[in-house]
Amino acid sequence: EESTIDPTSPFPSLLEMKLVETTVESGRKALKSSIEAISASANNNISNNNSNSLRNKFSVLLSHAIRKYQSEILLLFTYLIERKCLFSNSNSSLSESLYGLKRSSITNKGEIVPLTKSDKVRAALFLAVGPYVKEKIDRYYEKIIRDKRISDSRTRTSSNTSHIVQFDIQNNSYRYDREGNGKKNYFHKLQSTFMYIYPFLHMTHEGIHVAYNFAFLIGKSMYYNPSLRILRQVVRRTTLADMNTNNKITTTTKSTNLGAGSKNIAQSKTTINNQLTTSAGAVLSVALLAGWIGQLKHEIRRRRRRQFVIEDSIMYRNSNNTTTTTTTAGGTNVVS
């Protein structure tokens, strides 16, 4: 494995890039586990005895938000982390910085130049949105396959018992026929088309990645994957000149901050006070809004339960009246 690493080359080896990919996947799993742990902690804080407390309402709201928007929360955190790392002195993603790598842009003339602000934003978006979109498409395909298997199982069951259903209750047989015809609508045709082309799309995606990896391995391409070519960015090793440049930038920034620090003390204090006041007002507003939403949900549930009780009582009375009328018509006296 060590023979695949060329220390004189400005570009990393295939082994180093594979390690970067493994680190990205491990980091996503760790971040996802952390989000799930927060959701589990919120579920444990939910108490049935004190359902009107602010803490209980916040725990319910947090647990529901994480359970429904877990992928979007992971997308947001990934983008913020990668953006922070790209805008630091390392000029690389989090996983790339762990292996001493950095990103640079390729001009139209083939020159390697530092990343601009727009290059860093686009790179952070690709690093966050790419895995999110792929995960959503894979889950949607798995959902369609699972629903199709359930539907096929129900169709076989209904076809085996169709004569029984028609003999007992005729309306149910008509409902089965109607549901069978409804599966031929436009939406189901799109799903069938997606089921047909998804394996080819997945195979093409993986094949393109393998081709880019092989070209990168034999030195025919500077781009490790298609996303780097789209961004016109390359991943290279951090050199001694890069380290010296970063040290000079850090020293200059510190000296500038120290010179301007004495002039901005009063302004910083005023800004801090204003930020504290604004934060306190925002927290209070969010707390009041959460309490109002929880009270509104509680009132809606209470009214729904009351409406269900009223409807059940009316249906019970109507069924008793129907039974009394039928029995009286048959010549039997009913004592109520």
Protein backbone atom coordinates (compact mmCIF):
# COMPACT_ATOMS: atom_id res chain seq x y z
CA GLU A 1 0.00 0.00 0.00
CA GLU A 2 2.86 2.37 0.78
CA SER A 3 4.24 1.94 -2.75
CA THR A 4 1.09 3.57 -4.18
CA ILE A 5 1.91 6.86 -2.43
CA ASP A 6 4.28 9.15 -4.32
CA PRO A 7 5.54 11.86 -1.93
CA THR A 8 6.92 13.95 -4.81
CA SER A 9 3.55 14.26 -6.54
CA PRO A 10 1.39 17.30 -5.73
CA PHE A 11 -1.72 15.13 -6.01
CA PRO A 12 -2.74 12.50 -3.48
CA SER A 13 -2.84 8.81 -4.29
CA LEU A 14 -5.96 6.76 -4.86
CA LEU A 15 -5.51 5.19 -1.43
CA GLU A 16 -5.55 8.60 0.25
CA MET A 17 -8.71 9.63 -1.61
CA LYS A 18 -10.39 6.34 -0.64
CA LEU A 19 -9.52 7.08 2.97
CA VAL A 20 -11.12 10.50 2.55
CA GLU A 21 -14.31 8.87 1.22
CA THR A 22 -14.37 6.43 4.13
CA THR A 23 -13.96 9.31 6.57
CA VAL A 24 -16.86 11.18 4.94
CA GLU A 25 -19.16 8.17 5.27
CA SER A 26 -18.11 7.60 8.88
CA GLY A 27 -18.67 11.26 9.68
CA ARG A 28 -22.17 11.21 8.19
CA LYS A 29 -23.05 8.10 10.20
CA ALA A 30 -21.71 9.70 13.39
CA LEU A 31 -23.65 12.91 12.76
CA LYS A 32 -26.80 10.92 12.00
CA SER A 33 -26.35 8.92 15.21
CA SER A 34 -25.97 12.16 17.16
CA ILE A 35 -29.24 13.50 15.73
CA GLU A 36 -31.00 10.23 16.59
CA ALA A 37 -29.58 10.41 20.12
CA ILE A 38 -31.01 13.92 20.52
CA SER A 39 -34.39 12.64 19.33
CA ALA A 40 -34.25 9.72 21.79
CA SER A 41 -33.35 12.09 24.61
CA ALA A 42 -36.31 14.30 23.71
CA ASN A 43 -38.63 11.26 23.75
CA ASN A 44 -37.38 10.32 27.21
CA ASN A 45 -38.15 13.83 28.48
CA ILE A 46 -41.80 13.57 27.40
CA SER A 47 -44.00 13.02 30.43
CA ASN A 48 -47.68 12.16 30.35
CA ASN A 49 -48.26 13.49 33.86
CA ASN A 50 -47.11 17.03 33.03
CA SER A 51 -48.14 17.43 29.40
CA ASN A 52 -48.75 21.18 29.66
CA SER A 53 -45.24 22.10 30.78
CA LEU A 54 -43.03 24.11 28.48
CA ARG A 55 -40.26 21.49 28.64
CA ASN A 56 -42.65 18.73 27.65
CA LYS A 57 -44.03 20.75 24.72
CA PHE A 58 -40.52 21.57 23.52
CA SER A 59 -39.50 17.90 23.74
CA VAL A 60 -42.55 16.83 21.71
CA LEU A 61 -41.87 19.51 19.10
CA LEU A 62 -38.16 18.62 18.87
CA SER A 63 -38.82 14.89 18.61
CA HIS A 64 -41.43 15.40 15.88
CA ALA A 65 -39.16 17.74 13.90
CA ILE A 66 -36.19 15.35 14.03
CA ARG A 67 -38.31 12.34 13.13
CA LYS A 68 -39.88 14.09 10.13
CA TYR A 69 -36.96 16.20 8.88
CA GLN A 70 -33.92 14.12 9.87
CA SER A 71 -32.41 14.11 6.37
CA GLU A 72 -32.87 17.87 5.99
CA ILE A 73 -31.29 18.53 9.41
CA LEU A 74 -28.33 16.35 8.42
CA LEU A 75 -28.08 18.29 5.15
CA LEU A 76 -28.00 21.62 6.99
CA PHE A 77 -25.36 20.53 9.50
CA THR A 78 -23.21 19.02 6.76
CA TYR A 79 -23.32 22.22 4.73
CA LEU A 80 -22.43 24.40 7.74
CA ILE A 81 -19.51 22.16 8.73
CA GLU A 82 -18.07 21.92 5.22
CA ARG A 83 -18.54 25.65 4.62
CA LYS A 84 -16.72 26.46 7.87
CA CYS A 85 -13.79 24.23 6.91
CA LEU A 86 -13.59 25.55 3.33
CA PHE A 87 -13.53 29.17 4.53
CA SER A 88 -10.76 28.44 7.02
CA ASN A 89 -7.05 28.51 6.25
CA SER A 90 -7.12 24.85 5.23
CA ASN A 91 -9.27 25.58 2.12
CA SER A 92 -10.57 22.02 2.18
CA SER A 93 -13.42 19.94 3.49
CA LEU A 94 -13.29 18.44 6.96
CA SER A 95 -12.25 14.95 5.83
CA GLU A 96 -9.66 16.31 3.37
CA SER A 97 -8.04 18.51 6.02
CA LEU A 98 -7.54 15.47 8.28
CA TYR A 99 -5.18 13.98 5.65
CA GLY A 100 -3.27 17.20 4.89
CA LEU A 101 -5.10 17.95 1.64
CA LYS A 102 -6.54 21.15 0.22
CA ARG A 103 -8.61 22.24 -2.77
CA SER A 104 -7.58 24.50 -5.61
CA SER A 105 -9.37 25.79 -8.68
CA ILE A 106 -8.42 25.14 -12.31
CA THR A 107 -8.57 28.07 -14.73
CA ASN A 108 -9.43 27.84 -18.42
CA LYS A 109 -5.70 27.91 -19.17
CA GLY A 110 -5.09 24.91 -16.91
CA GLU A 111 -3.47 26.90 -14.10
CA ILE A 112 -3.96 25.95 -10.46
CA VAL A 113 -5.15 28.96 -8.41
CA PRO A 114 -6.61 29.34 -4.89
CA LEU A 115 -10.33 28.96 -4.37
CA THR A 116 -12.52 32.02 -4.56
CA LYS A 117 -15.49 32.67 -2.29
CA SER A 118 -17.97 31.39 -4.88
CA ASP A 119 -15.85 28.24 -5.41
CA LYS A 120 -15.99 27.49 -1.68
CA VAL A 121 -19.77 27.98 -1.54
CA ARG A 122 -20.33 25.71 -4.56
CA ALA A 123 -18.02 23.06 -3.10
CA ALA A 124 -19.89 23.10 0.23
CA LEU A 125 -23.21 22.77 -1.59
CA PHE A 126 -21.97 19.80 -3.63
CA LEU A 127 -20.58 18.08 -0.55
CA ALA A 128 -23.90 18.47 1.30
CA VAL A 129 -26.57 18.20 -1.41
CA GLY A 130 -25.01 15.32 -3.39
CA PRO A 131 -25.31 12.62 -0.68
CA TYR A 132 -28.73 14.01 0.32
CA VAL A 133 -30.20 13.67 -3.18
CA LYS A 134 -28.71 10.19 -3.68
CA GLU A 135 -30.10 9.01 -0.34
CA LYS A 136 -33.57 10.38 -1.18
CA ILE A 137 -33.62 8.65 -4.58
CA ASP A 138 -32.44 5.33 -3.11
CA ARG A 139 -35.07 5.47 -0.38
CA TYR A 140 -37.81 6.31 -2.87
CA TYR A 141 -36.84 3.33 -5.03
CA GLU A 142 -36.84 1.02 -2.01
CA LYS A 143 -40.26 2.37 -0.98
CA ILE A 144 -41.70 1.70 -4.45
CA ILE A 145 -40.34 -1.85 -4.45
CA ARG A 146 -41.74 -2.49 -0.97
CA ASP A 147 -45.17 -1.08 -1.87
CA LYS A 148 -45.23 -3.11 -5.09
CA ARG A 149 -44.57 -6.34 -3.19
CA ILE A 150 -47.36 -5.54 -0.72
CA SER A 151 -49.73 -4.66 -3.55
CA ASP A 152 -48.94 -7.89 -5.42
CA SER A 153 -49.54 -9.88 -2.26
CA ARG A 154 -52.92 -8.21 -1.72
CA THR A 155 -53.87 -8.72 -5.36
CA ARG A 156 -53.14 -12.46 -5.16
CA THR A 157 -55.14 -12.73 -1.94
CA SER A 158 -58.14 -10.86 -3.37
CA SER A 159 -58.08 -12.94 -6.59
CA ASN A 160 -58.13 -16.19 -4.59
CA THR A 161 -61.17 -15.09 -2.58
CA SER A 162 -63.04 -13.13 -5.25
CA HIS A 163 -65.95 -15.57 -5.52
CA ILE A 164 -66.43 -15.51 -1.75
CA VAL A 165 -66.45 -11.77 -1.66
CA GLN A 166 -68.93 -11.54 -4.51
CA PHE A 167 -71.20 -14.07 -2.86
CA ASP A 168 -71.15 -12.35 0.54
CA ILE A 169 -71.05 -8.65 -0.23
CA GLN A 170 -71.30 -7.53 -3.80
CA ASN A 171 -70.06 -3.97 -3.21
CA ASN A 172 -66.66 -5.19 -2.08
CA SER A 173 -66.05 -6.99 -5.37
CA TYR A 174 -66.82 -3.77 -7.20
CA ARG A 175 -64.36 -1.93 -4.97
CA TYR A 176 -61.61 -4.40 -5.83
CA ASP A 177 -62.26 -3.96 -9.55
CA ARG A 178 -62.23 -0.21 -9.18
CA GLU A 179 -58.93 -0.25 -7.29
CA GLY A 180 -57.41 -2.51 -9.92
CA ASN A 181 -58.34 -0.09 -12.69
CA GLY A 182 -57.07 2.88 -10.66
CA LYS A 183 -53.52 1.50 -10.68
CA LYS A 184 -53.24 2.31 -14.37
CA ASN A 185 -53.24 6.07 -13.88
CA TYR A 186 -50.48 8.43 -14.85
CA PHE A 187 -48.76 8.43 -11.46
CA HIS A 188 -48.35 4.67 -11.42
CA LYS A 189 -46.99 4.78 -14.95
CA LEU A 190 -44.33 7.23 -13.79
CA GLN A 191 -43.47 4.95 -10.90
CA SER A 192 -43.18 1.98 -13.23
CA THR A 193 -40.91 3.98 -15.53
CA PHE A 194 -38.74 5.03 -12.59
CA MET A 195 -38.51 1.42 -11.40
CA TYR A 196 -37.35 0.41 -14.87
CA ILE A 197 -34.70 3.09 -15.41
CA TYR A 198 -33.35 3.38 -11.84
CA PRO A 199 -31.06 0.30 -12.04
CA PHE A 200 -29.53 1.63 -15.26
CA LEU A 201 -29.05 5.10 -13.75
CA HIS A 202 -27.46 3.60 -10.65
CA MET A 203 -25.16 1.39 -12.75
CA THR A 204 -24.19 4.37 -14.94
CA HIS A 205 -23.45 6.52 -11.88
CA GLU A 206 -21.24 3.88 -10.30
CA GLY A 207 -19.54 3.12 -13.63
CA ILE A 208 -18.63 6.78 -14.18
CA HIS A 209 -17.14 6.95 -10.70
CA VAL A 210 -15.07 3.82 -11.32
CA ALA A 211 -13.84 5.23 -14.64
CA TYR A 212 -12.78 8.52 -13.00
CA ASN A 213 -11.04 6.62 -10.19
CA PHE A 214 -9.12 4.48 -12.67
CA ALA A 215 -8.09 7.51 -14.75
CA PHE A 216 -6.94 9.23 -11.55
CA LEU A 217 -5.01 6.12 -10.53
CA ILE A 218 -2.98 5.88 -13.77
CA GLY A 219 -2.40 9.65 -13.89
CA LYS A 220 -4.59 10.43 -16.90
CA SER A 221 -6.85 12.82 -15.00
CA MET A 222 -6.47 15.32 -12.16
CA TYR A 223 -10.10 14.85 -11.12
CA TYR A 224 -10.90 12.06 -8.69
CA ASN A 225 -14.68 12.10 -9.33
CA PRO A 226 -17.18 13.81 -11.67
CA SER A 227 -18.19 16.43 -9.09
CA LEU A 228 -14.64 17.81 -9.00
CA ARG A 229 -14.67 18.14 -12.80
CA ILE A 230 -18.02 19.96 -12.69
CA LEU A 231 -16.63 22.32 -10.04
CA ARG A 232 -13.27 22.57 -11.91
CA GLN A 233 -11.46 21.89 -8.65
CA VAL A 234 -8.64 19.51 -7.72
CA VAL A 235 -7.58 18.03 -4.41
CA ARG A 236 -3.85 18.33 -3.77
CA ARG A 237 -1.42 18.00 -0.93
CA THR A 238 -0.60 20.88 1.37
CA THR A 239 2.97 22.05 0.69
CA LEU A 240 5.44 23.97 2.85
CA ALA A 241 4.72 27.12 0.82
CA ASP A 242 1.02 26.80 1.68
CA MET A 243 1.86 26.50 5.37
CA ASN A 244 4.09 29.58 5.26
CA THR A 245 1.37 31.55 3.48
CA ASN A 246 -1.20 30.54 6.09
CA ASN A 247 1.16 31.52 8.91
CA LYS A 248 1.75 34.95 7.35
CA ILE A 249 -1.98 35.51 6.93
CA THR A 250 -2.62 34.47 10.55
CA THR A 251 0.15 36.76 11.89
CA THR A 252 -1.09 39.72 9.85
CA THR A 253 -4.65 39.17 11.01
CA LYS A 254 -3.62 38.98 14.65
CA SER A 255 -1.54 42.19 14.49
CA THR A 256 -4.39 44.00 12.74
CA ASN A 257 -6.88 42.83 15.33
CA LEU A 258 -4.63 43.91 18.20
CA GLY A 259 -4.15 47.38 16.72
CA ALA A 260 -7.85 47.90 16.17
CA GLY A 261 -8.94 46.19 19.37
CA SER A 262 -8.49 49.21 21.65
CA LYS A 263 -10.70 51.32 19.40
CA ASN A 264 -13.52 48.80 19.24
CA ILE A 265 -13.89 47.91 22.93
CA ALA A 266 -16.77 50.30 23.51
CA GLN A 267 -18.47 49.30 20.28
CA SER A 268 -18.11 45.60 21.08
CA LYS A 269 -19.69 46.09 24.53
CA THR A 270 -22.65 47.91 23.00
CA THR A 271 -23.00 45.24 20.35
CA ILE A 272 -22.92 42.46 22.95
CA ASN A 273 -25.61 44.15 25.01
CA ASN A 274 -27.80 44.59 21.95
CA GLN A 275 -27.27 40.96 20.94
CA LEU A 276 -28.16 39.74 24.43
CA THR A 277 -31.34 41.79 24.44
CA THR A 278 -32.30 40.56 20.99
CA SER A 279 -31.54 36.94 21.91
CA ALA A 280 -33.60 37.16 25.10
CA GLY A 281 -36.54 38.60 23.16
CA ALA A 282 -36.23 35.90 20.51
CA VAL A 283 -36.13 33.10 23.10
CA LEU A 284 -39.16 34.52 24.88
CA SER A 285 -41.06 34.83 21.62
CA VAL A 286 -40.24 31.25 20.63
CA ALA A 287 -41.32 29.99 24.06
CA LEU A 288 -44.63 31.84 23.86
CA LEU A 289 -45.22 30.63 20.32
CA ALA A 290 -44.47 27.01 21.28
CA GLY A 291 -46.86 27.25 24.23
CA TRP A 292 -49.59 28.71 22.06
CA ILE A 293 -49.15 26.01 19.41
CA GLY A 294 -49.26 23.29 22.06
CA GLN A 295 -52.41 24.72 23.60
CA LEU A 296 -54.02 24.96 20.18
CA LYS A 297 -53.19 21.33 19.38
CA HIS A 298 -54.59 20.24 22.76
CA GLU A 299 -57.82 22.12 22.13
CA ILE A 300 -58.18 20.64 18.63
CA ARG A 301 -57.69 17.11 19.98
CA ARG A 302 -60.22 17.71 22.74
CA ARG A 303 -62.84 18.94 20.27
CA ARG A 304 -62.19 16.04 17.93
CA ARG A 305 -62.64 13.53 20.74
CA ARG A 306 -65.86 15.25 21.75
CA GLN A 307 -67.12 15.17 18.16
CA PHE A 308 -66.29 11.48 17.89
CA VAL A 309 -68.23 10.76 21.09
CA ILE A 310 -71.25 12.67 19.78
CA GLU A 311 -71.16 10.85 16.43
CA ASP A 312 -70.82 7.46 18.15
CA SER A 313 -73.79 8.20 20.40
CA ILE A 314 -75.93 9.28 17.44
CA MET A 315 -75.01 6.15 15.48
CA TYR A 316 -75.80 4.00 18.54
CA ARG A 317 -79.23 5.60 18.92
CA ASN A 318 -80.00 5.20 15.22
CA SER A 319 -79.03 1.53 15.31
CA ASN A 320 -81.29 0.96 18.35
CA ASN A 321 -84.19 2.71 16.64
CA THR A 322 -83.70 0.62 13.49
CA THR A 323 -83.62 -2.59 15.53
CA THR A 324 -86.80 -1.59 17.39
CA THR A 325 -88.67 -0.79 14.17
CA THR A 326 -87.61 -4.04 12.46
CA THR A 327 -88.56 -6.18 15.43
CA THR A 328 -91.97 -4.50 15.82
CA ALA A 329 -92.71 -5.04 12.12
CA GLY A 330 -92.01 -8.75 12.56
CA GLY A 331 -94.64 -9.08 15.23
CA THR A 332 -92.42 -9.05 18.32
CA ASN A 333 -92.99 -6.52 21.09
CA VAL A 334 -89.92 -4.78 22.29
CA VAL A 335 -89.73 -3.38 25.78
CA SER A 336 -87.33 -0.50 26.05
